[in-house]
Amino acid sequence: MKPYVICLMHSGLDGRTHPSRWRPKGAGTDWFENIHEELGGDAWVIGRVTGSEFAKGQPYPATDMKIPRENWFARRDAKTYGVVLDAQGKIGWGRSDIGGDPIVVVLTESVPDSHLAGLRGEGVSYIFAGKSEIDLALTLDILNRELGVKRLLVEGGGVANGAFLRAGLIDEFNLILSPAIDGASGAPFVFSSTEAESDKRAPIAAMTLESTRQLGGGVLLLRYLIKNDPSAAGR
């Protein structure tokens, strides 16, 4: 069964997401964790680039081990899991959790045995969701079936957010909107894509503004419900 998927992001008025570049500085940047906790997800997911910011380790050393391409879990009893999309196995973690939430890495079957051995050695769970590219719908199915995830928070990078959006998998979008502007090129956006996916559009049939909440200091929380058209996914 597909979990209910909420994308939660925090941006300035121009949709850019690096608070260090916003002007004025410090405009409501302390709200994200509060809203994250309020939404009460069973798991949250980020992409490889964002995940790398939490990594403490180095690439894992070579091994002679032959490890089957089967899902492997260090823990199944956590209240919340931190899920990271890392298709080719680039991140050496040096840790097994982020903020107390056990890490679950989403891989493809093309990763080397050395990476799987390294993850196991550090107690990092992993699942396989494709041969060479991650199938996000399959990822959600595995998280639900294996770990009981019923409510998932997508908290990008823009590329990861955009991939979920174009796959028609996001049910709700919560945007924390700060009274600040970046206004320069190069900063990431709430939703983005790789060059190869730049001509694909999200299959959104409708968006409904469910609520608007003032958080203080000019910061707003906008909650939209999304209706997807499965027949239009990936067009």
C-alpha atoms as a PDB file:
ATOM      1  CA  MET A   1       0.000   0.000   0.000  1.00  0.00           C
ATOM      2  CA  LYS A   2       1.264   3.469  -0.851  1.00  0.00           C
ATOM      3  CA  PRO A   3       2.001   5.688   2.161  1.00  0.00           C
ATOM      4  CA  TYR A   4       0.425   9.134   2.356  1.00  0.00           C
ATOM      5  CA  VAL A   5       3.169  11.423   1.040  1.00  0.00           C
ATOM      6  CA  ILE A   6       3.658  15.000   2.254  1.00  0.00           C
ATOM      7  CA  CYS A   7       6.314  17.253   0.759  1.00  0.00           C
ATOM      8  CA  LEU A   8       7.536  19.723   3.377  1.00  0.00           C
ATOM      9  CA  MET A   9       9.821  22.559   2.334  1.00  0.00           C
ATOM     10  CA  HIS A  10      10.926  25.992   3.529  1.00  0.00           C
ATOM     11  CA  SER A  11      11.673  28.725   1.029  1.00  0.00           C
ATOM     12  CA  GLY A  12      11.956  32.440   0.518  1.00  0.00           C
ATOM     13  CA  LEU A  13       9.466  34.303  -1.654  1.00  0.00           C
ATOM     14  CA  ASP A  14      11.361  33.381  -4.831  1.00  0.00           C
ATOM     15  CA  GLY A  15      11.201  29.648  -4.079  1.00  0.00           C
ATOM     16  CA  ARG A  16      14.881  29.264  -3.249  1.00  0.00           C
ATOM     17  CA  THR A  17      15.804  27.091  -0.303  1.00  0.00           C
ATOM     18  CA  HIS A  18      19.217  28.086   1.103  1.00  0.00           C
ATOM     19  CA  PRO A  19      18.485  30.328   4.120  1.00  0.00           C
ATOM     20  CA  SER A  20      22.121  31.441   4.344  1.00  0.00           C
ATOM     21  CA  ARG A  21      21.584  33.370   1.092  1.00  0.00           C
ATOM     22  CA  TRP A  22      18.291  34.992   2.054  1.00  0.00           C
ATOM     23  CA  ARG A  23      17.944  38.697   2.746  1.00  0.00           C
ATOM     24  CA  PRO A  24      17.050  39.820   5.281  1.00  0.00           C
ATOM     25  CA  LYS A  25      19.007  37.228   7.236  1.00  0.00           C
ATOM     26  CA  GLY A  26      17.371  34.862   9.712  1.00  0.00           C
ATOM     27  CA  ALA A  27      13.820  35.332   8.433  1.00  0.00           C
ATOM     28  CA  GLY A  28      11.894  32.573  10.193  1.00  0.00           C
ATOM     29  CA  THR A  29      14.524  29.898   9.680  1.00  0.00           C
ATOM     30  CA  ASP A  30      13.725  28.047  12.927  1.00  0.00           C
ATOM     31  CA  TRP A  31      10.297  26.718  11.892  1.00  0.00           C
ATOM     32  CA  PHE A  32      11.158  23.669   9.798  1.00  0.00           C
ATOM     33  CA  GLU A  33      11.831  21.210  12.619  1.00  0.00           C
ATOM     34  CA  ASN A  34       8.702  22.317  14.481  1.00  0.00           C
ATOM     35  CA  ILE A  35       6.441  21.668  11.492  1.00  0.00           C
ATOM     36  CA  HIS A  36       8.305  18.437  10.723  1.00  0.00           C
ATOM     37  CA  GLU A  37       7.427  17.160  14.196  1.00  0.00           C
ATOM     38  CA  GLU A  38       3.821  18.348  13.924  1.00  0.00           C
ATOM     39  CA  LEU A  39       3.284  16.417  10.686  1.00  0.00           C
ATOM     40  CA  GLY A  40       4.241  13.189  12.451  1.00  0.00           C
ATOM     41  CA  GLY A  41       5.692  11.089   9.653  1.00  0.00           C
ATOM     42  CA  ASP A  42       6.744   7.467  10.112  1.00  0.00           C
ATOM     43  CA  ALA A  43       9.708   8.276   7.855  1.00  0.00           C
ATOM     44  CA  TRP A  44      11.252  11.163   5.966  1.00  0.00           C
ATOM     45  CA  VAL A  45      13.185  11.043   2.713  1.00  0.00           C
ATOM     46  CA  ILE A  46      15.952  13.132   1.150  1.00  0.00           C
ATOM     47  CA  GLY A  47      18.135  12.787  -1.940  1.00  0.00           C
ATOM     48  CA  ARG A  48      21.817  11.937  -2.265  1.00  0.00           C
ATOM     49  CA  VAL A  49      23.082  15.524  -2.298  1.00  0.00           C
ATOM     50  CA  THR A  50      21.215  16.457   0.879  1.00  0.00           C
ATOM     51  CA  GLY A  51      22.118  13.103   2.436  1.00  0.00           C
ATOM     52  CA  SER A  52      25.811  13.734   1.818  1.00  0.00           C
ATOM     53  CA  GLU A  53      25.599  16.766   4.094  1.00  0.00           C
ATOM     54  CA  PHE A  54      24.919  14.407   7.019  1.00  0.00           C
ATOM     55  CA  ALA A  55      27.604  11.842   6.164  1.00  0.00           C
ATOM     56  CA  LYS A  56      30.678  11.485   8.344  1.00  0.00           C
ATOM     57  CA  GLY A  57      32.482   8.625   6.616  1.00  0.00           C
ATOM     58  CA  GLN A  58      34.578   7.846   3.547  1.00  0.00           C
ATOM     59  CA  PRO A  59      33.911   5.488   0.613  1.00  0.00           C
ATOM     60  CA  TYR A  60      33.949   1.894   1.813  1.00  0.00           C
ATOM     61  CA  PRO A  61      37.028  -0.291   1.104  1.00  0.00           C
ATOM     62  CA  ALA A  62      37.031  -3.108  -1.427  1.00  0.00           C
ATOM     63  CA  THR A  63      35.871  -6.542  -0.334  1.00  0.00           C
ATOM     64  CA  ASP A  64      35.898 -10.102  -1.656  1.00  0.00           C
ATOM     65  CA  MET A  65      32.455 -10.720  -0.179  1.00  0.00           C
ATOM     66  CA  LYS A  66      29.563 -11.589  -2.482  1.00  0.00           C
ATOM     67  CA  ILE A  67      26.376 -10.115  -1.077  1.00  0.00           C
ATOM     68  CA  PRO A  68      22.923 -10.891  -2.495  1.00  0.00           C
ATOM     69  CA  ARG A  69      20.801  -8.012  -3.775  1.00  0.00           C
ATOM     70  CA  GLU A  70      18.204  -8.394  -1.050  1.00  0.00           C
ATOM     71  CA  ASN A  71      16.765  -5.818   1.342  1.00  0.00           C
ATOM     72  CA  TRP A  72      18.673  -5.737   4.636  1.00  0.00           C
ATOM     73  CA  PHE A  73      17.500  -4.125   7.870  1.00  0.00           C
ATOM     74  CA  ALA A  74      19.554  -3.344  10.930  1.00  0.00           C
ATOM     75  CA  ARG A  75      16.367  -2.240  12.723  1.00  0.00           C
ATOM     76  CA  ARG A  76      12.643  -2.613  12.195  1.00  0.00           C
ATOM     77  CA  ASP A  77      11.399  -1.160  15.485  1.00  0.00           C
ATOM     78  CA  ALA A  78      12.059   2.581  15.093  1.00  0.00           C
ATOM     79  CA  LYS A  79       9.374   5.205  15.542  1.00  0.00           C
ATOM     80  CA  THR A  80      10.763   7.173  12.571  1.00  0.00           C
ATOM     81  CA  TYR A  81      13.228   6.330   9.790  1.00  0.00           C
ATOM     82  CA  GLY A  82      15.491   8.618   7.770  1.00  0.00           C
ATOM     83  CA  VAL A  83      15.395   7.450   4.147  1.00  0.00           C
ATOM     84  CA  VAL A  84      18.090   8.526   1.675  1.00  0.00           C
ATOM     85  CA  LEU A  85      18.010   7.989  -2.093  1.00  0.00           C
ATOM     86  CA  ASP A  86      21.502   6.918  -3.156  1.00  0.00           C
ATOM     87  CA  ALA A  87      21.070   4.984  -6.400  1.00  0.00           C
ATOM     88  CA  GLN A  88      24.742   4.222  -7.071  1.00  0.00           C
ATOM     89  CA  GLY A  89      25.923   3.931  -3.476  1.00  0.00           C
ATOM     90  CA  LYS A  90      28.068   7.070  -3.267  1.00  0.00           C
ATOM     91  CA  ILE A  91      27.694   7.942   0.431  1.00  0.00           C
ATOM     92  CA  GLY A  92      30.009   6.546   3.098  1.00  0.00           C
ATOM     93  CA  TRP A  93      28.015   7.216   6.228  1.00  0.00           C
ATOM     94  CA  GLY A  94      30.217   6.831   9.295  1.00  0.00           C
ATOM     95  CA  ARG A  95      26.975   6.783  11.297  1.00  0.00           C
ATOM     96  CA  SER A  96      23.780   4.732  11.463  1.00  0.00           C
ATOM     97  CA  ASP A  97      21.229   7.419  12.298  1.00  0.00           C
ATOM     98  CA  ILE A  98      20.376  11.068  11.683  1.00  0.00           C
ATOM     99  CA  GLY A  99      19.008  12.841  14.729  1.00  0.00           C
ATOM    100  CA  GLY A 100      18.211   9.484  16.305  1.00  0.00           C
ATOM    101  CA  ASP A 101      16.276   8.209  13.266  1.00  0.00           C
ATOM    102  CA  PRO A 102      17.858   5.041  11.794  1.00  0.00           C
ATOM    103  CA  ILE A 103      19.082   5.502   8.220  1.00  0.00           C
ATOM    104  CA  VAL A 104      17.541   3.443   5.420  1.00  0.00           C
ATOM    105  CA  VAL A 105      19.356   3.820   2.096  1.00  0.00           C
ATOM    106  CA  VAL A 106      17.519   3.260  -1.183  1.00  0.00           C
ATOM    107  CA  LEU A 107      19.880   1.621  -3.689  1.00  0.00           C
ATOM    108  CA  THR A 108      19.852   0.061  -7.127  1.00  0.00           C
ATOM    109  CA  GLU A 109      21.246  -3.392  -7.864  1.00  0.00           C
ATOM    110  CA  SER A 110      24.226  -1.821  -9.653  1.00  0.00           C
ATOM    111  CA  VAL A 111      25.993  -0.880  -6.391  1.00  0.00           C
ATOM    112  CA  PRO A 112      29.226  -2.752  -5.602  1.00  0.00           C
ATOM    113  CA  ASP A 113      29.460  -5.433  -2.920  1.00  0.00           C
ATOM    114  CA  SER A 114      31.950  -3.253  -1.050  1.00  0.00           C
ATOM    115  CA  HIS A 115      29.273  -0.639  -0.477  1.00  0.00           C
ATOM    116  CA  LEU A 116      26.805  -3.187   0.856  1.00  0.00           C
ATOM    117  CA  ALA A 117      29.460  -4.610   3.187  1.00  0.00           C
ATOM    118  CA  GLY A 118      30.235  -1.104   4.441  1.00  0.00           C
ATOM    119  CA  LEU A 119      26.585  -0.333   5.125  1.00  0.00           C
ATOM    120  CA  ARG A 120      26.143  -3.580   7.023  1.00  0.00           C
ATOM    121  CA  GLY A 121      29.288  -2.937   9.035  1.00  0.00           C
ATOM    122  CA  GLU A 122      27.928   0.431  10.151  1.00  0.00           C
ATOM    123  CA  GLY A 123      24.434  -0.885  10.874  1.00  0.00           C
ATOM    124  CA  VAL A 124      22.818   1.084   8.037  1.00  0.00           C
ATOM    125  CA  SER A 125      19.711  -0.549   6.574  1.00  0.00           C
ATOM    126  CA  TYR A 126      19.218  -0.629   2.815  1.00  0.00           C
ATOM    127  CA  ILE A 127      16.605  -1.591   0.242  1.00  0.00           C
ATOM    128  CA  PHE A 128      16.775  -2.189  -3.509  1.00  0.00           C
ATOM    129  CA  ALA A 129      14.295  -0.360  -5.743  1.00  0.00           C
ATOM    130  CA  GLY A 130      15.512  -0.920  -9.292  1.00  0.00           C
ATOM    131  CA  LYS A 131      18.254  -2.319 -11.514  1.00  0.00           C
ATOM    132  CA  SER A 132      20.103   0.907 -12.319  1.00  0.00           C
ATOM    133  CA  GLU A 133      17.556   3.655 -11.552  1.00  0.00           C
ATOM    134  CA  ILE A 134      15.379   4.069  -8.467  1.00  0.00           C
ATOM    135  CA  ASP A 135      11.688   3.294  -8.898  1.00  0.00           C
ATOM    136  CA  LEU A 136      10.047   5.639  -6.401  1.00  0.00           C
ATOM    137  CA  ALA A 137       6.692   3.841  -6.415  1.00  0.00           C
ATOM    138  CA  LEU A 138       8.493   0.592  -5.586  1.00  0.00           C
ATOM    139  CA  THR A 139      10.432   2.419  -2.858  1.00  0.00           C
ATOM    140  CA  LEU A 140       7.186   3.486  -1.194  1.00  0.00           C
ATOM    141  CA  ASP A 141       5.757  -0.016  -1.467  1.00  0.00           C
ATOM    142  CA  ILE A 142       8.820  -1.551   0.204  1.00  0.00           C
ATOM    143  CA  LEU A 143       8.855   1.028   3.005  1.00  0.00           C
ATOM    144  CA  ASN A 144       5.205   0.328   3.715  1.00  0.00           C
ATOM    145  CA  ARG A 145       5.465  -3.455   3.453  1.00  0.00           C
ATOM    146  CA  GLU A 146       8.746  -3.944   5.306  1.00  0.00           C
ATOM    147  CA  LEU A 147       8.750  -1.114   7.858  1.00  0.00           C
ATOM    148  CA  GLY A 148       5.080  -0.206   8.184  1.00  0.00           C
ATOM    149  CA  VAL A 149       5.538   3.336   6.873  1.00  0.00           C
ATOM    150  CA  LYS A 150       2.095   4.853   6.371  1.00  0.00           C
ATOM    151  CA  ARG A 151       3.006   8.548   6.362  1.00  0.00           C
ATOM    152  CA  LEU A 152       6.144   9.772   4.567  1.00  0.00           C
ATOM    153  CA  LEU A 153       7.638  13.277   4.546  1.00  0.00           C
ATOM    154  CA  VAL A 154       9.537  14.224   1.373  1.00  0.00           C
ATOM    155  CA  GLU A 155      12.061  16.898   2.341  1.00  0.00           C
ATOM    156  CA  GLY A 156      14.372  17.180  -0.745  1.00  0.00           C
ATOM    157  CA  GLY A 157      16.679  18.644  -2.400  1.00  0.00           C
ATOM    158  CA  GLY A 158      14.750  20.017  -5.265  1.00  0.00           C
ATOM    159  CA  VAL A 159      15.759  17.179  -7.600  1.00  0.00           C
ATOM    160  CA  ALA A 160      14.435  14.523  -5.201  1.00  0.00           C
ATOM    161  CA  ASN A 161      11.261  16.544  -4.570  1.00  0.00           C
ATOM    162  CA  GLY A 162      10.760  16.994  -8.296  1.00  0.00           C
ATOM    163  CA  ALA A 163      11.187  13.272  -8.951  1.00  0.00           C
ATOM    164  CA  PHE A 164       8.417  12.434  -6.483  1.00  0.00           C
ATOM    165  CA  LEU A 165       6.244  15.183  -7.968  1.00  0.00           C
ATOM    166  CA  ARG A 166       6.686  14.000 -11.574  1.00  0.00           C
ATOM    167  CA  ALA A 167       5.986  10.417 -10.492  1.00  0.00           C
ATOM    168  CA  GLY A 168       2.583  11.559  -9.201  1.00  0.00           C
ATOM    169  CA  LEU A 169       3.335  10.373  -5.670  1.00  0.00           C
ATOM    170  CA  ILE A 170       2.904  13.543  -3.586  1.00  0.00           C
ATOM    171  CA  ASP A 171      -0.491  13.870  -1.901  1.00  0.00           C
ATOM    172  CA  GLU A 172       0.098  17.072   0.044  1.00  0.00           C
ATOM    173  CA  PHE A 173       2.501  20.020  -0.113  1.00  0.00           C
ATOM    174  CA  ASN A 174       3.341  22.049   2.984  1.00  0.00           C
ATOM    175  CA  LEU A 175       5.385  25.170   2.288  1.00  0.00           C
ATOM    176  CA  ILE A 176       6.897  27.317   5.013  1.00  0.00           C
ATOM    177  CA  LEU A 177       7.208  30.676   3.289  1.00  0.00           C
ATOM    178  CA  SER A 178       9.581  33.248   4.771  1.00  0.00           C
ATOM    179  CA  PRO A 179       9.561  37.002   4.052  1.00  0.00           C
ATOM    180  CA  ALA A 180      12.981  36.881   2.414  1.00  0.00           C
ATOM    181  CA  ILE A 181      14.455  36.747  -1.086  1.00  0.00           C
ATOM    182  CA  ASP A 182      17.606  35.172  -2.499  1.00  0.00           C
ATOM    183  CA  GLY A 183      17.374  36.816  -5.903  1.00  0.00           C
ATOM    184  CA  ALA A 184      20.607  35.423  -7.350  1.00  0.00           C
ATOM    185  CA  SER A 185      21.334  32.552  -9.717  1.00  0.00           C
ATOM    186  CA  GLY A 186      22.657  29.193  -8.588  1.00  0.00           C
ATOM    187  CA  ALA A 187      20.609  28.536  -5.466  1.00  0.00           C
ATOM    188  CA  PRO A 188      18.369  25.447  -5.384  1.00  0.00           C
ATOM    189  CA  PHE A 189      14.610  25.610  -5.746  1.00  0.00           C
ATOM    190  CA  VAL A 190      11.818  23.748  -3.918  1.00  0.00           C
ATOM    191  CA  PHE A 191      11.252  21.596  -7.021  1.00  0.00           C
ATOM    192  CA  SER A 192      13.819  20.948  -9.736  1.00  0.00           C
ATOM    193  CA  SER A 193      15.023  18.216 -12.101  1.00  0.00           C
ATOM    194  CA  THR A 194      18.029  16.721 -13.773  1.00  0.00           C
ATOM    195  CA  GLU A 195      18.766  17.860 -17.319  1.00  0.00           C
ATOM    196  CA  ALA A 196      17.423  14.569 -18.660  1.00  0.00           C
ATOM    197  CA  GLU A 197      14.049  15.163 -16.996  1.00  0.00           C
ATOM    198  CA  SER A 198      13.769  18.872 -17.744  1.00  0.00           C
ATOM    199  CA  ASP A 199      10.967  18.421 -20.303  1.00  0.00           C
ATOM    200  CA  LYS A 200       8.796  16.169 -18.101  1.00  0.00           C
ATOM    201  CA  ARG A 201       5.839  17.686 -16.299  1.00  0.00           C
ATOM    202  CA  ALA A 202       4.178  16.682 -13.054  1.00  0.00           C
ATOM    203  CA  PRO A 203       0.792  14.946 -13.522  1.00  0.00           C
ATOM    204  CA  ILE A 204      -1.029  17.392 -11.238  1.00  0.00           C
ATOM    205  CA  ALA A 205      -4.738  17.634 -12.035  1.00  0.00           C
ATOM    206  CA  ALA A 206      -5.603  20.046  -9.205  1.00  0.00           C
ATOM    207  CA  MET A 207      -4.207  21.741  -6.108  1.00  0.00           C
ATOM    208  CA  THR A 208      -6.467  22.875  -3.277  1.00  0.00           C
ATOM    209  CA  LEU A 209      -5.385  25.340  -0.609  1.00  0.00           C
ATOM    210  CA  GLU A 210      -6.434  23.501   2.541  1.00  0.00           C
ATOM    211  CA  SER A 211      -5.155  26.036   5.082  1.00  0.00           C
ATOM    212  CA  THR A 212      -3.017  29.119   5.628  1.00  0.00           C
ATOM    213  CA  ARG A 213      -1.346  29.604   8.986  1.00  0.00           C
ATOM    214  CA  GLN A 214       0.639  32.554  10.269  1.00  0.00           C
ATOM    215  CA  LEU A 215       3.685  31.350  12.166  1.00  0.00           C
ATOM    216  CA  GLY A 216       4.879  34.777  13.278  1.00  0.00           C
ATOM    217  CA  GLY A 217       7.328  37.315  11.940  1.00  0.00           C
ATOM    218  CA  GLY A 218       5.651  37.312   8.552  1.00  0.00           C
ATOM    219  CA  VAL A 219       6.228  33.562   8.046  1.00  0.00           C
ATOM    220  CA  LEU A 220       3.334  31.576   6.559  1.00  0.00           C
ATOM    221  CA  LEU A 221       2.584  27.849   6.419  1.00  0.00           C
ATOM    222  CA  LEU A 222       0.658  27.026   3.241  1.00  0.00           C
ATOM    223  CA  ARG A 223      -0.941  23.584   3.035  1.00  0.00           C
ATOM    224  CA  TYR A 224      -2.077  22.316  -0.374  1.00  0.00           C
ATOM    225  CA  LEU A 225      -3.769  19.042  -1.211  1.00  0.00           C
ATOM    226  CA  ILE A 226      -2.701  17.584  -4.550  1.00  0.00           C
ATOM    227  CA  LYS A 227      -4.810  15.547  -6.946  1.00  0.00           C
ATOM    228  CA  ASN A 228      -2.688  13.610  -9.426  1.00  0.00           C
ATOM    229  CA  ASP A 229      -3.704  12.259 -12.819  1.00  0.00           C
ATOM    230  CA  PRO A 230      -1.942   8.857 -13.114  1.00  0.00           C
ATOM    231  CA  SER A 231      -2.498   8.744 -16.877  1.00  0.00           C
ATOM    232  CA  ALA A 232      -0.406  11.918 -17.306  1.00  0.00           C
ATOM    233  CA  ALA A 233       2.639  10.865 -15.222  1.00  0.00           C
ATOM    234  CA  GLY A 234       5.972  11.537 -16.883  1.00  0.00           C
ATOM    235  CA  ARG A 235       4.585  13.439 -19.926  1.00  0.00           C
END
